[in-house]
N, C-alpha and C. Protein backbone atom coordinates (compact mmCIF):
# COMPACT_ATOMS: atom_id res chain seq x y z
N MET A 1 -113.94 -114.17 -78.54
CA MET A 1 -114.00 -113.63 -77.20
C MET A 1 -115.43 -113.37 -76.75
N GLY A 2 -116.32 -113.05 -77.70
CA GLY A 2 -117.66 -112.61 -77.36
C GLY A 2 -118.45 -113.59 -76.51
N GLN A 3 -118.49 -114.86 -76.93
CA GLN A 3 -119.27 -115.86 -76.21
C GLN A 3 -118.70 -116.09 -74.82
N SER A 4 -117.39 -116.18 -74.69
CA SER A 4 -116.78 -116.38 -73.38
C SER A 4 -117.03 -115.19 -72.47
N ALA A 5 -116.94 -113.97 -73.02
CA ALA A 5 -117.20 -112.77 -72.22
C ALA A 5 -118.63 -112.79 -71.69
N LYS A 6 -119.56 -113.19 -72.52
CA LYS A 6 -120.96 -113.28 -72.08
C LYS A 6 -121.12 -114.29 -70.95
N PHE A 7 -120.40 -115.41 -71.06
CA PHE A 7 -120.47 -116.43 -70.01
C PHE A 7 -120.00 -115.85 -68.69
N TRP A 8 -118.83 -115.18 -68.68
CA TRP A 8 -118.28 -114.64 -67.44
C TRP A 8 -119.09 -113.46 -66.93
N ASP A 9 -119.67 -112.66 -67.82
CA ASP A 9 -120.58 -111.60 -67.39
C ASP A 9 -121.77 -112.18 -66.62
N LYS A 10 -122.27 -113.27 -67.13
CA LYS A 10 -123.46 -113.89 -66.55
C LYS A 10 -123.21 -114.42 -65.14
N ILE A 11 -122.01 -114.95 -64.91
CA ILE A 11 -121.75 -115.59 -63.62
C ILE A 11 -120.92 -114.70 -62.67
N ALA A 12 -120.70 -113.44 -63.02
CA ALA A 12 -119.78 -112.59 -62.24
C ALA A 12 -120.19 -112.50 -60.77
N ASP A 13 -121.46 -112.24 -60.50
CA ASP A 13 -121.91 -112.12 -59.11
C ASP A 13 -121.74 -113.42 -58.35
N ARG A 14 -122.05 -114.52 -59.00
CA ARG A 14 -121.90 -115.83 -58.37
C ARG A 14 -120.42 -116.15 -58.14
N TYR A 15 -119.58 -115.77 -59.09
CA TYR A 15 -118.14 -115.99 -58.98
C TYR A 15 -117.57 -115.26 -57.77
N LEU A 16 -118.03 -114.03 -57.55
CA LEU A 16 -117.57 -113.23 -56.42
C LEU A 16 -117.86 -113.92 -55.09
N LYS A 17 -119.00 -114.59 -55.01
CA LYS A 17 -119.44 -115.19 -53.75
C LYS A 17 -118.84 -116.57 -53.49
N GLN A 18 -118.18 -117.14 -54.51
CA GLN A 18 -117.62 -118.48 -54.33
C GLN A 18 -116.43 -118.43 -53.38
N PRO A 19 -116.41 -119.31 -52.37
CA PRO A 19 -115.25 -119.33 -51.46
C PRO A 19 -114.04 -119.95 -52.15
N ILE A 20 -112.86 -119.60 -51.69
CA ILE A 20 -111.63 -120.22 -52.18
C ILE A 20 -111.60 -121.66 -51.71
N THR A 21 -111.43 -122.59 -52.63
CA THR A 21 -111.55 -124.01 -52.28
C THR A 21 -110.34 -124.53 -51.51
N ASP A 22 -109.17 -123.96 -51.75
CA ASP A 22 -107.95 -124.41 -51.08
C ASP A 22 -107.21 -123.16 -50.59
N VAL A 23 -107.58 -122.70 -49.40
CA VAL A 23 -107.04 -121.45 -48.87
C VAL A 23 -105.53 -121.54 -48.67
N ALA A 24 -105.04 -122.65 -48.15
CA ALA A 24 -103.61 -122.80 -47.88
C ALA A 24 -102.79 -122.67 -49.15
N SER A 25 -103.24 -123.32 -50.23
CA SER A 25 -102.51 -123.24 -51.50
C SER A 25 -102.56 -121.83 -52.07
N TYR A 26 -103.70 -121.19 -51.99
CA TYR A 26 -103.85 -119.82 -52.48
C TYR A 26 -102.91 -118.88 -51.74
N GLU A 27 -102.85 -119.02 -50.43
CA GLU A 27 -102.00 -118.14 -49.64
C GLU A 27 -100.52 -118.41 -49.92
N LYS A 28 -100.17 -119.67 -50.18
CA LYS A 28 -98.78 -119.97 -50.51
C LYS A 28 -98.40 -119.33 -51.84
N LYS A 29 -99.30 -119.37 -52.82
CA LYS A 29 -99.02 -118.75 -54.11
C LYS A 29 -98.86 -117.24 -53.97
N LEU A 30 -99.69 -116.62 -53.13
CA LEU A 30 -99.55 -115.19 -52.88
C LEU A 30 -98.20 -114.88 -52.27
N GLN A 31 -97.81 -115.68 -51.29
CA GLN A 31 -96.55 -115.45 -50.58
C GLN A 31 -95.36 -115.59 -51.53
N VAL A 32 -95.35 -116.64 -52.33
CA VAL A 32 -94.23 -116.85 -53.26
C VAL A 32 -94.16 -115.69 -54.26
N THR A 33 -95.30 -115.28 -54.77
CA THR A 33 -95.33 -114.16 -55.73
C THR A 33 -94.77 -112.90 -55.11
N GLN A 34 -95.18 -112.61 -53.89
CA GLN A 34 -94.74 -111.37 -53.23
C GLN A 34 -93.25 -111.37 -52.92
N GLU A 35 -92.65 -112.55 -52.84
CA GLU A 35 -91.20 -112.62 -52.64
C GLU A 35 -90.44 -112.10 -53.86
N TYR A 36 -91.08 -112.08 -55.01
CA TYR A 36 -90.46 -111.56 -56.23
C TYR A 36 -90.72 -110.06 -56.41
N PHE A 37 -91.69 -109.53 -55.72
CA PHE A 37 -92.10 -108.14 -55.94
C PHE A 37 -91.11 -107.16 -55.30
N GLN A 38 -91.06 -105.96 -55.93
CA GLN A 38 -90.32 -104.82 -55.40
C GLN A 38 -91.25 -103.60 -55.47
N PRO A 39 -91.03 -102.62 -54.57
CA PRO A 39 -91.96 -101.47 -54.50
C PRO A 39 -92.07 -100.65 -55.78
N ASN A 40 -91.08 -100.73 -56.66
CA ASN A 40 -91.09 -99.90 -57.87
C ASN A 40 -91.64 -100.64 -59.10
N MET A 41 -92.22 -101.80 -58.91
CA MET A 41 -92.61 -102.65 -60.05
C MET A 41 -93.91 -102.19 -60.71
N GLU A 42 -93.89 -102.30 -62.05
CA GLU A 42 -95.10 -102.15 -62.87
C GLU A 42 -95.59 -103.54 -63.24
N VAL A 43 -96.84 -103.84 -62.90
CA VAL A 43 -97.38 -105.19 -63.03
C VAL A 43 -98.64 -105.17 -63.89
N LEU A 44 -98.80 -106.20 -64.70
CA LEU A 44 -100.02 -106.43 -65.46
C LEU A 44 -100.64 -107.74 -65.01
N GLU A 45 -101.95 -107.73 -64.75
CA GLU A 45 -102.66 -108.98 -64.52
C GLU A 45 -103.68 -109.19 -65.63
N ILE A 46 -103.60 -110.33 -66.30
CA ILE A 46 -104.57 -110.65 -67.34
C ILE A 46 -105.58 -111.65 -66.76
N GLY A 47 -106.85 -111.44 -67.09
CA GLY A 47 -107.90 -112.30 -66.54
C GLY A 47 -108.04 -112.09 -65.04
N CYS A 48 -108.19 -110.82 -64.63
CA CYS A 48 -108.15 -110.48 -63.20
C CYS A 48 -109.43 -110.83 -62.47
N GLY A 49 -110.50 -111.16 -63.19
CA GLY A 49 -111.76 -111.50 -62.53
C GLY A 49 -112.29 -110.36 -61.69
N THR A 50 -112.69 -110.66 -60.46
CA THR A 50 -113.27 -109.63 -59.59
C THR A 50 -112.21 -108.89 -58.77
N GLY A 51 -110.95 -109.07 -59.11
CA GLY A 51 -109.90 -108.24 -58.55
C GLY A 51 -109.27 -108.70 -57.25
N SER A 52 -109.64 -109.87 -56.76
CA SER A 52 -109.17 -110.30 -55.44
C SER A 52 -107.65 -110.32 -55.32
N THR A 53 -106.99 -110.95 -56.29
CA THR A 53 -105.54 -111.10 -56.19
C THR A 53 -104.82 -109.78 -56.40
N ALA A 54 -105.29 -108.98 -57.33
CA ALA A 54 -104.68 -107.66 -57.54
C ALA A 54 -104.76 -106.81 -56.27
N ILE A 55 -105.89 -106.87 -55.59
CA ILE A 55 -106.08 -106.09 -54.37
C ILE A 55 -105.11 -106.54 -53.28
N VAL A 56 -104.89 -107.84 -53.18
CA VAL A 56 -103.95 -108.36 -52.17
C VAL A 56 -102.52 -107.93 -52.49
N HIS A 57 -102.16 -107.94 -53.76
CA HIS A 57 -100.77 -107.64 -54.16
C HIS A 57 -100.47 -106.15 -54.23
N ALA A 58 -101.48 -105.32 -54.31
CA ALA A 58 -101.28 -103.88 -54.54
C ALA A 58 -100.29 -103.21 -53.59
N PRO A 59 -100.27 -103.52 -52.30
CA PRO A 59 -99.33 -102.83 -51.40
C PRO A 59 -97.86 -103.14 -51.67
N TYR A 60 -97.58 -104.17 -52.46
CA TYR A 60 -96.20 -104.63 -52.64
C TYR A 60 -95.53 -104.10 -53.90
N VAL A 61 -96.29 -103.37 -54.74
CA VAL A 61 -95.74 -102.89 -56.01
C VAL A 61 -96.16 -101.45 -56.25
N LYS A 62 -95.58 -100.85 -57.30
CA LYS A 62 -95.91 -99.47 -57.62
C LYS A 62 -97.30 -99.35 -58.24
N HIS A 63 -97.59 -100.19 -59.23
CA HIS A 63 -98.87 -100.09 -59.94
C HIS A 63 -99.23 -101.42 -60.57
N ILE A 64 -100.52 -101.73 -60.55
CA ILE A 64 -101.04 -102.92 -61.23
C ILE A 64 -102.09 -102.48 -62.25
N ARG A 65 -101.89 -102.88 -63.47
CA ARG A 65 -102.92 -102.74 -64.51
C ARG A 65 -103.59 -104.08 -64.63
N ALA A 66 -104.86 -104.15 -64.29
CA ALA A 66 -105.57 -105.43 -64.22
C ALA A 66 -106.70 -105.44 -65.23
N VAL A 67 -106.69 -106.43 -66.14
CA VAL A 67 -107.66 -106.47 -67.22
C VAL A 67 -108.44 -107.78 -67.22
N ASP A 68 -109.65 -107.69 -67.72
CA ASP A 68 -110.49 -108.87 -67.90
C ASP A 68 -111.46 -108.55 -69.02
N PHE A 69 -111.82 -109.56 -69.82
CA PHE A 69 -112.73 -109.24 -70.92
C PHE A 69 -114.19 -109.21 -70.50
N SER A 70 -114.48 -109.50 -69.23
CA SER A 70 -115.85 -109.41 -68.72
C SER A 70 -116.09 -108.04 -68.09
N ALA A 71 -117.01 -107.29 -68.65
CA ALA A 71 -117.34 -105.96 -68.12
C ALA A 71 -117.88 -106.06 -66.70
N ASN A 72 -118.68 -107.08 -66.43
CA ASN A 72 -119.26 -107.22 -65.10
C ASN A 72 -118.20 -107.55 -64.05
N MET A 73 -117.22 -108.37 -64.42
CA MET A 73 -116.12 -108.66 -63.50
C MET A 73 -115.37 -107.38 -63.17
N ILE A 74 -115.09 -106.56 -64.18
CA ILE A 74 -114.35 -105.32 -63.97
C ILE A 74 -115.15 -104.35 -63.10
N ASP A 75 -116.45 -104.26 -63.32
CA ASP A 75 -117.29 -103.39 -62.48
C ASP A 75 -117.18 -103.77 -61.01
N ILE A 76 -117.24 -105.08 -60.74
CA ILE A 76 -117.13 -105.55 -59.36
C ILE A 76 -115.76 -105.23 -58.80
N ALA A 77 -114.71 -105.47 -59.59
CA ALA A 77 -113.35 -105.21 -59.13
C ALA A 77 -113.14 -103.74 -58.80
N GLN A 78 -113.63 -102.86 -59.66
CA GLN A 78 -113.47 -101.42 -59.42
C GLN A 78 -114.19 -101.00 -58.15
N THR A 79 -115.38 -101.54 -57.93
CA THR A 79 -116.14 -101.21 -56.73
C THR A 79 -115.41 -101.67 -55.48
N ARG A 80 -114.83 -102.86 -55.53
CA ARG A 80 -114.11 -103.41 -54.37
C ARG A 80 -112.86 -102.58 -54.06
N ALA A 81 -112.10 -102.22 -55.09
CA ALA A 81 -110.88 -101.44 -54.87
C ALA A 81 -111.22 -100.05 -54.33
N ALA A 82 -112.27 -99.44 -54.85
CA ALA A 82 -112.67 -98.13 -54.36
C ALA A 82 -113.12 -98.19 -52.90
N ALA A 83 -113.85 -99.25 -52.55
CA ALA A 83 -114.33 -99.40 -51.17
C ALA A 83 -113.17 -99.55 -50.19
N GLN A 84 -112.06 -100.12 -50.67
CA GLN A 84 -110.89 -100.32 -49.81
C GLN A 84 -109.85 -99.21 -49.99
N ASN A 85 -110.19 -98.20 -50.79
CA ASN A 85 -109.32 -97.04 -51.00
C ASN A 85 -107.93 -97.46 -51.49
N ILE A 86 -107.92 -98.29 -52.53
CA ILE A 86 -106.67 -98.76 -53.12
C ILE A 86 -106.41 -97.96 -54.39
N PRO A 87 -105.43 -97.07 -54.39
CA PRO A 87 -105.26 -96.15 -55.51
C PRO A 87 -104.37 -96.65 -56.65
N ASN A 88 -103.61 -97.73 -56.43
CA ASN A 88 -102.58 -98.08 -57.42
C ASN A 88 -102.95 -99.29 -58.28
N ILE A 89 -104.24 -99.53 -58.45
CA ILE A 89 -104.71 -100.53 -59.42
C ILE A 89 -105.59 -99.83 -60.44
N THR A 90 -105.32 -100.09 -61.71
CA THR A 90 -106.18 -99.62 -62.79
C THR A 90 -106.88 -100.82 -63.39
N PHE A 91 -108.17 -100.92 -63.19
CA PHE A 91 -108.96 -102.01 -63.77
C PHE A 91 -109.54 -101.56 -65.10
N GLU A 92 -109.50 -102.45 -66.10
CA GLU A 92 -110.10 -102.11 -67.38
C GLU A 92 -110.57 -103.37 -68.11
N GLN A 93 -111.62 -103.18 -68.89
CA GLN A 93 -112.14 -104.29 -69.70
C GLN A 93 -111.30 -104.40 -70.96
N SER A 94 -110.66 -105.55 -71.13
CA SER A 94 -109.83 -105.78 -72.31
C SER A 94 -109.42 -107.24 -72.33
N SER A 95 -109.14 -107.73 -73.52
CA SER A 95 -108.46 -109.02 -73.65
C SER A 95 -106.99 -108.73 -73.88
N ILE A 96 -106.15 -109.72 -73.68
CA ILE A 96 -104.72 -109.50 -73.90
C ILE A 96 -104.44 -109.22 -75.37
N ASP A 97 -105.27 -109.74 -76.25
CA ASP A 97 -105.08 -109.48 -77.68
C ASP A 97 -105.25 -108.00 -78.00
N GLU A 98 -106.08 -107.31 -77.23
CA GLU A 98 -106.37 -105.90 -77.49
C GLU A 98 -105.37 -104.95 -76.82
N LEU A 99 -104.56 -105.48 -75.92
CA LEU A 99 -103.64 -104.62 -75.18
C LEU A 99 -102.51 -104.13 -76.07
N ASP A 100 -102.19 -102.86 -75.94
CA ASP A 100 -101.06 -102.27 -76.64
C ASP A 100 -100.05 -101.82 -75.58
N ILE A 101 -99.10 -102.69 -75.30
CA ILE A 101 -98.10 -102.41 -74.27
C ILE A 101 -96.73 -102.41 -74.93
N SER A 102 -95.97 -101.39 -74.65
CA SER A 102 -94.67 -101.23 -75.28
C SER A 102 -93.73 -102.38 -74.91
N TYR A 103 -92.78 -102.62 -75.78
CA TYR A 103 -91.81 -103.70 -75.62
C TYR A 103 -90.95 -103.48 -74.37
N GLN A 104 -90.84 -104.51 -73.56
CA GLN A 104 -89.98 -104.54 -72.38
C GLN A 104 -90.25 -103.37 -71.42
N THR A 105 -91.50 -103.21 -71.03
CA THR A 105 -91.86 -102.13 -70.09
C THR A 105 -92.43 -102.64 -68.77
N LEU A 106 -92.69 -103.94 -68.65
CA LEU A 106 -93.30 -104.47 -67.44
C LEU A 106 -92.30 -105.28 -66.63
N ASP A 107 -92.49 -105.24 -65.31
CA ASP A 107 -91.64 -106.02 -64.41
C ASP A 107 -92.24 -107.39 -64.11
N ALA A 108 -93.56 -107.49 -64.16
CA ALA A 108 -94.22 -108.76 -63.86
C ALA A 108 -95.57 -108.81 -64.56
N VAL A 109 -95.94 -110.01 -64.99
CA VAL A 109 -97.28 -110.27 -65.54
C VAL A 109 -97.86 -111.45 -64.77
N LEU A 110 -99.10 -111.30 -64.34
CA LEU A 110 -99.83 -112.36 -63.66
C LEU A 110 -100.88 -112.91 -64.60
N GLY A 111 -100.88 -114.22 -64.77
CA GLY A 111 -101.90 -114.88 -65.57
C GLY A 111 -102.43 -116.06 -64.77
N LEU A 112 -103.40 -115.79 -63.90
CA LEU A 112 -103.87 -116.77 -62.92
C LEU A 112 -105.21 -117.34 -63.35
N SER A 113 -105.27 -118.64 -63.48
CA SER A 113 -106.51 -119.33 -63.90
C SER A 113 -107.01 -118.79 -65.22
N ILE A 114 -106.09 -118.59 -66.18
CA ILE A 114 -106.48 -118.00 -67.46
C ILE A 114 -105.92 -118.74 -68.67
N LEU A 115 -104.72 -119.32 -68.59
CA LEU A 115 -104.09 -119.87 -69.79
C LEU A 115 -104.91 -121.00 -70.41
N HIS A 116 -105.61 -121.78 -69.60
CA HIS A 116 -106.42 -122.87 -70.14
C HIS A 116 -107.74 -122.37 -70.73
N LEU A 117 -108.01 -121.07 -70.60
CA LEU A 117 -109.23 -120.49 -71.14
C LEU A 117 -108.98 -119.67 -72.40
N LEU A 118 -107.76 -119.76 -72.92
CA LEU A 118 -107.38 -118.99 -74.10
C LEU A 118 -107.33 -119.87 -75.34
N GLU A 119 -107.67 -119.29 -76.47
CA GLU A 119 -107.64 -120.02 -77.73
C GLU A 119 -106.22 -120.41 -78.11
N ASP A 120 -105.27 -119.51 -77.88
CA ASP A 120 -103.89 -119.75 -78.30
C ASP A 120 -102.95 -119.30 -77.18
N LYS A 121 -102.68 -120.19 -76.25
CA LYS A 121 -101.83 -119.81 -75.10
C LYS A 121 -100.41 -119.49 -75.55
N GLU A 122 -99.93 -120.16 -76.60
CA GLU A 122 -98.57 -119.90 -77.06
C GLU A 122 -98.41 -118.46 -77.54
N ALA A 123 -99.40 -117.96 -78.25
CA ALA A 123 -99.33 -116.58 -78.73
C ALA A 123 -99.34 -115.60 -77.56
N VAL A 124 -100.13 -115.90 -76.54
CA VAL A 124 -100.19 -115.03 -75.36
C VAL A 124 -98.88 -115.08 -74.59
N ILE A 125 -98.32 -116.27 -74.41
CA ILE A 125 -97.04 -116.39 -73.71
C ILE A 125 -95.95 -115.60 -74.45
N ALA A 126 -95.94 -115.67 -75.76
CA ALA A 126 -94.96 -114.92 -76.55
C ALA A 126 -95.15 -113.42 -76.38
N LYS A 127 -96.41 -112.99 -76.33
CA LYS A 127 -96.67 -111.56 -76.15
C LYS A 127 -96.23 -111.09 -74.76
N VAL A 128 -96.49 -111.92 -73.75
CA VAL A 128 -96.05 -111.60 -72.40
C VAL A 128 -94.53 -111.48 -72.34
N PHE A 129 -93.84 -112.41 -72.99
CA PHE A 129 -92.37 -112.38 -73.02
C PHE A 129 -91.89 -111.04 -73.57
N ASP A 130 -92.51 -110.57 -74.63
CA ASP A 130 -92.09 -109.31 -75.24
C ASP A 130 -92.39 -108.11 -74.32
N MET A 131 -93.48 -108.17 -73.56
CA MET A 131 -93.85 -107.08 -72.67
C MET A 131 -92.87 -106.91 -71.51
N LEU A 132 -92.30 -108.02 -71.07
CA LEU A 132 -91.48 -108.01 -69.87
C LEU A 132 -90.08 -107.45 -70.11
N LYS A 133 -89.59 -106.75 -69.11
CA LYS A 133 -88.19 -106.34 -69.11
C LYS A 133 -87.31 -107.58 -68.91
N PRO A 134 -86.05 -107.53 -69.31
CA PRO A 134 -85.14 -108.62 -68.97
C PRO A 134 -85.13 -108.84 -67.45
N GLY A 135 -85.27 -110.10 -67.05
CA GLY A 135 -85.36 -110.42 -65.63
C GLY A 135 -86.77 -110.36 -65.08
N GLY A 136 -87.74 -109.95 -65.91
CA GLY A 136 -89.13 -109.88 -65.48
C GLY A 136 -89.74 -111.27 -65.32
N ILE A 137 -90.85 -111.33 -64.59
CA ILE A 137 -91.46 -112.63 -64.28
C ILE A 137 -92.88 -112.73 -64.82
N PHE A 138 -93.23 -113.96 -65.20
CA PHE A 138 -94.59 -114.31 -65.59
C PHE A 138 -95.08 -115.35 -64.58
N VAL A 139 -96.09 -114.97 -63.81
CA VAL A 139 -96.62 -115.83 -62.75
C VAL A 139 -97.94 -116.44 -63.23
N THR A 140 -98.00 -117.76 -63.24
CA THR A 140 -99.21 -118.44 -63.71
C THR A 140 -99.68 -119.48 -62.70
N SER A 141 -100.97 -119.67 -62.67
CA SER A 141 -101.58 -120.79 -61.94
C SER A 141 -102.62 -121.36 -62.89
N THR A 142 -102.40 -122.59 -63.32
CA THR A 142 -103.16 -123.10 -64.47
C THR A 142 -103.67 -124.51 -64.24
N VAL A 143 -104.93 -124.72 -64.53
CA VAL A 143 -105.51 -126.05 -64.48
C VAL A 143 -105.08 -126.82 -65.73
N CYS A 144 -104.41 -127.93 -65.52
CA CYS A 144 -103.92 -128.75 -66.63
C CYS A 144 -104.71 -130.06 -66.67
N LEU A 145 -105.83 -130.01 -67.38
CA LEU A 145 -106.75 -131.15 -67.39
C LEU A 145 -106.20 -132.37 -68.11
N GLY A 146 -105.18 -132.17 -68.92
CA GLY A 146 -104.64 -133.28 -69.70
C GLY A 146 -104.02 -134.38 -68.88
N ASP A 147 -103.63 -134.09 -67.64
CA ASP A 147 -102.98 -135.10 -66.80
C ASP A 147 -103.96 -136.10 -66.20
N LYS A 148 -105.19 -135.65 -65.90
CA LYS A 148 -106.14 -136.55 -65.24
C LYS A 148 -107.49 -136.62 -65.95
N MET A 149 -107.76 -135.66 -66.84
CA MET A 149 -109.07 -135.60 -67.50
C MET A 149 -108.89 -135.33 -69.00
N ALA A 150 -108.02 -136.08 -69.64
CA ALA A 150 -107.76 -135.86 -71.07
C ALA A 150 -109.02 -135.99 -71.91
N TRP A 151 -109.95 -136.82 -71.42
CA TRP A 151 -111.22 -137.01 -72.14
C TRP A 151 -112.04 -135.74 -72.25
N PHE A 152 -111.74 -134.75 -71.39
CA PHE A 152 -112.54 -133.53 -71.36
C PHE A 152 -112.43 -132.74 -72.66
N LYS A 153 -111.35 -133.00 -73.42
CA LYS A 153 -111.20 -132.26 -74.68
C LYS A 153 -112.31 -132.59 -75.66
N TRP A 154 -112.98 -133.75 -75.47
CA TRP A 154 -114.09 -134.11 -76.34
C TRP A 154 -115.40 -133.50 -75.84
N ILE A 155 -115.47 -133.24 -74.53
CA ILE A 155 -116.68 -132.69 -73.94
C ILE A 155 -116.71 -131.17 -74.03
N ALA A 156 -115.54 -130.55 -73.91
CA ALA A 156 -115.44 -129.09 -73.82
C ALA A 156 -116.15 -128.35 -74.96
N PRO A 157 -115.95 -128.74 -76.24
CA PRO A 157 -116.62 -128.00 -77.30
C PRO A 157 -118.15 -128.07 -77.23
N ILE A 158 -118.65 -129.23 -76.77
CA ILE A 158 -120.11 -129.39 -76.66
C ILE A 158 -120.64 -128.48 -75.56
N GLY A 159 -119.96 -128.49 -74.40
CA GLY A 159 -120.38 -127.64 -73.29
C GLY A 159 -120.32 -126.17 -73.63
N LYS A 160 -119.29 -125.78 -74.39
CA LYS A 160 -119.19 -124.38 -74.81
C LYS A 160 -120.32 -124.02 -75.76
N PHE A 161 -120.62 -124.91 -76.69
CA PHE A 161 -121.68 -124.66 -77.66
C PHE A 161 -123.03 -124.49 -76.96
N LEU A 162 -123.26 -125.29 -75.92
CA LEU A 162 -124.52 -125.23 -75.19
C LEU A 162 -124.55 -124.12 -74.14
N GLY A 163 -123.41 -123.46 -73.93
CA GLY A 163 -123.35 -122.36 -72.97
C GLY A 163 -123.17 -122.78 -71.53
N PHE A 164 -122.81 -124.05 -71.31
CA PHE A 164 -122.62 -124.54 -69.95
C PHE A 164 -121.30 -124.05 -69.35
N PHE A 165 -120.29 -123.88 -70.16
CA PHE A 165 -119.02 -123.35 -69.70
C PHE A 165 -118.31 -122.68 -70.87
N PRO A 166 -117.27 -121.89 -70.57
CA PRO A 166 -116.59 -121.15 -71.63
C PRO A 166 -115.61 -122.03 -72.39
N LEU A 167 -114.86 -121.43 -73.28
CA LEU A 167 -113.76 -122.12 -73.95
C LEU A 167 -112.81 -122.70 -72.91
N VAL A 168 -112.51 -124.00 -73.01
CA VAL A 168 -111.56 -124.64 -72.11
C VAL A 168 -110.61 -125.49 -72.95
N LYS A 169 -109.32 -125.26 -72.79
CA LYS A 169 -108.31 -126.03 -73.50
C LYS A 169 -107.72 -127.09 -72.58
N VAL A 170 -107.41 -128.25 -73.14
CA VAL A 170 -106.90 -129.37 -72.36
C VAL A 170 -105.44 -129.62 -72.73
N PHE A 171 -104.56 -129.53 -71.73
CA PHE A 171 -103.14 -129.83 -71.94
C PHE A 171 -102.55 -130.28 -70.61
N THR A 172 -101.36 -130.84 -70.64
CA THR A 172 -100.71 -131.37 -69.45
C THR A 172 -99.77 -130.33 -68.83
N VAL A 173 -99.32 -130.62 -67.61
CA VAL A 173 -98.34 -129.75 -66.96
C VAL A 173 -97.06 -129.68 -67.80
N GLU A 174 -96.64 -130.82 -68.30
CA GLU A 174 -95.43 -130.85 -69.13
C GLU A 174 -95.60 -130.00 -70.38
N GLU A 175 -96.76 -130.08 -71.01
CA GLU A 175 -97.00 -129.28 -72.21
C GLU A 175 -97.00 -127.79 -71.88
N LEU A 176 -97.56 -127.42 -70.73
CA LEU A 176 -97.53 -126.01 -70.33
C LEU A 176 -96.10 -125.55 -70.09
N ALA A 177 -95.34 -126.35 -69.36
CA ALA A 177 -93.95 -125.99 -69.09
C ALA A 177 -93.16 -125.85 -70.39
N ASN A 178 -93.41 -126.75 -71.33
CA ASN A 178 -92.73 -126.68 -72.63
C ASN A 178 -93.11 -125.41 -73.39
N SER A 179 -94.37 -125.02 -73.28
CA SER A 179 -94.80 -123.79 -73.95
C SER A 179 -94.04 -122.58 -73.41
N LEU A 180 -93.79 -122.58 -72.12
CA LEU A 180 -93.06 -121.48 -71.51
C LEU A 180 -91.58 -121.49 -71.91
N THR A 181 -90.95 -122.65 -71.83
CA THR A 181 -89.53 -122.72 -72.18
C THR A 181 -89.30 -122.53 -73.67
N ASP A 182 -90.25 -122.99 -74.49
CA ASP A 182 -90.14 -122.76 -75.94
C ASP A 182 -90.18 -121.26 -76.26
N ALA A 183 -90.86 -120.50 -75.40
CA ALA A 183 -90.94 -119.05 -75.58
C ALA A 183 -89.74 -118.32 -74.97
N ARG A 184 -88.76 -119.11 -74.51
CA ARG A 184 -87.48 -118.61 -73.97
C ARG A 184 -87.56 -118.20 -72.50
N PHE A 185 -88.65 -118.53 -71.83
CA PHE A 185 -88.70 -118.33 -70.39
C PHE A 185 -87.87 -119.40 -69.68
N LYS A 186 -87.38 -119.05 -68.51
CA LYS A 186 -86.74 -120.01 -67.61
C LYS A 186 -87.68 -120.22 -66.43
N ILE A 187 -88.02 -121.46 -66.14
CA ILE A 187 -88.91 -121.74 -65.02
C ILE A 187 -88.12 -121.61 -63.72
N ASP A 188 -88.49 -120.62 -62.93
CA ASP A 188 -87.78 -120.31 -61.69
C ASP A 188 -88.41 -120.98 -60.48
N HIS A 189 -89.70 -121.27 -60.57
CA HIS A 189 -90.41 -121.91 -59.45
C HIS A 189 -91.60 -122.67 -60.04
N GLN A 190 -91.78 -123.90 -59.61
CA GLN A 190 -92.93 -124.70 -60.05
C GLN A 190 -93.43 -125.53 -58.88
N TRP A 191 -94.75 -125.46 -58.65
CA TRP A 191 -95.34 -126.17 -57.51
C TRP A 191 -96.78 -126.56 -57.84
N GLN A 192 -97.12 -127.77 -57.48
CA GLN A 192 -98.48 -128.27 -57.67
C GLN A 192 -98.88 -129.01 -56.39
N PRO A 193 -99.87 -128.51 -55.66
CA PRO A 193 -100.23 -129.13 -54.39
C PRO A 193 -100.75 -130.56 -54.52
N ASP A 194 -101.30 -130.88 -55.67
CA ASP A 194 -101.80 -132.23 -55.93
C ASP A 194 -101.93 -132.36 -57.44
N LYS A 195 -101.80 -133.57 -57.96
CA LYS A 195 -101.81 -133.76 -59.41
C LYS A 195 -103.08 -133.26 -60.07
N GLY A 196 -104.18 -133.28 -59.34
CA GLY A 196 -105.44 -132.82 -59.92
C GLY A 196 -105.68 -131.33 -59.80
N LYS A 197 -104.75 -130.62 -59.13
CA LYS A 197 -104.95 -129.20 -58.90
C LYS A 197 -104.08 -128.36 -59.84
N ALA A 198 -104.35 -127.06 -59.82
CA ALA A 198 -103.63 -126.15 -60.70
C ALA A 198 -102.14 -126.15 -60.40
N VAL A 199 -101.33 -126.02 -61.43
CA VAL A 199 -99.89 -125.92 -61.26
C VAL A 199 -99.52 -124.43 -61.22
N PHE A 200 -98.68 -124.09 -60.26
CA PHE A 200 -98.24 -122.72 -60.06
C PHE A 200 -96.81 -122.60 -60.57
N ILE A 201 -96.59 -121.64 -61.48
CA ILE A 201 -95.26 -121.48 -62.09
C ILE A 201 -94.87 -120.01 -62.08
N VAL A 202 -93.63 -119.76 -61.69
CA VAL A 202 -93.02 -118.46 -61.90
C VAL A 202 -91.95 -118.63 -62.97
N ALA A 203 -92.19 -118.03 -64.12
CA ALA A 203 -91.26 -118.13 -65.25
C ALA A 203 -90.55 -116.78 -65.41
N LYS A 204 -89.23 -116.83 -65.58
CA LYS A 204 -88.45 -115.60 -65.63
C LYS A 204 -87.87 -115.39 -67.03
N LYS A 205 -87.95 -114.15 -67.49
CA LYS A 205 -87.30 -113.77 -68.74
C LYS A 205 -85.82 -113.58 -68.48
N PRO A 206 -84.95 -114.20 -69.25
CA PRO A 206 -83.51 -114.05 -69.00
C PRO A 206 -83.05 -112.59 -68.99
N SER A 207 -82.13 -112.28 -68.13
CA SER A 207 -81.61 -110.90 -68.02
C SER A 207 -80.70 -110.58 -69.21
């Protein structure tokens, strides 16, 4: 985690200033997610970055615990939430491996633009499954480079070693979907605006 955290700490300010590349797709993902939300929900977001999505979703749920392993990202997120007087988000520096969350206590987990940046996505998906209550949802938006850029798996370790980018895993949309269903999730919604773009999935834990 250390090297990747340093990478994201370094680019946190620049990341904040980057415009959303596909506003229409981003807004559709927000809308679909909010259709699943209820006012009494307890939500966890892993890899929350500078807090943009948590801040948008906060009015629709009871509480969001939003974590990121970059201290600088969390500092920015906390400042933004405080400036907007949003009381129901708790931002904290942590990786999902470090989280101690009781079995079946969450209504929803958000993992947006994060699964391809993890060493072992299957272990994380399994942990999320255990955290969720029956009927709970896992919302993901994931870049699946294996469908159009499979060659990147040879470049990624070199770029990480040189510090050009963080850990990046290469897998296909089908492989991601299989990882979710193998963990006993049911895919309730799946959408990809274009084959080269991130796939958006809402996976539900059986009731």
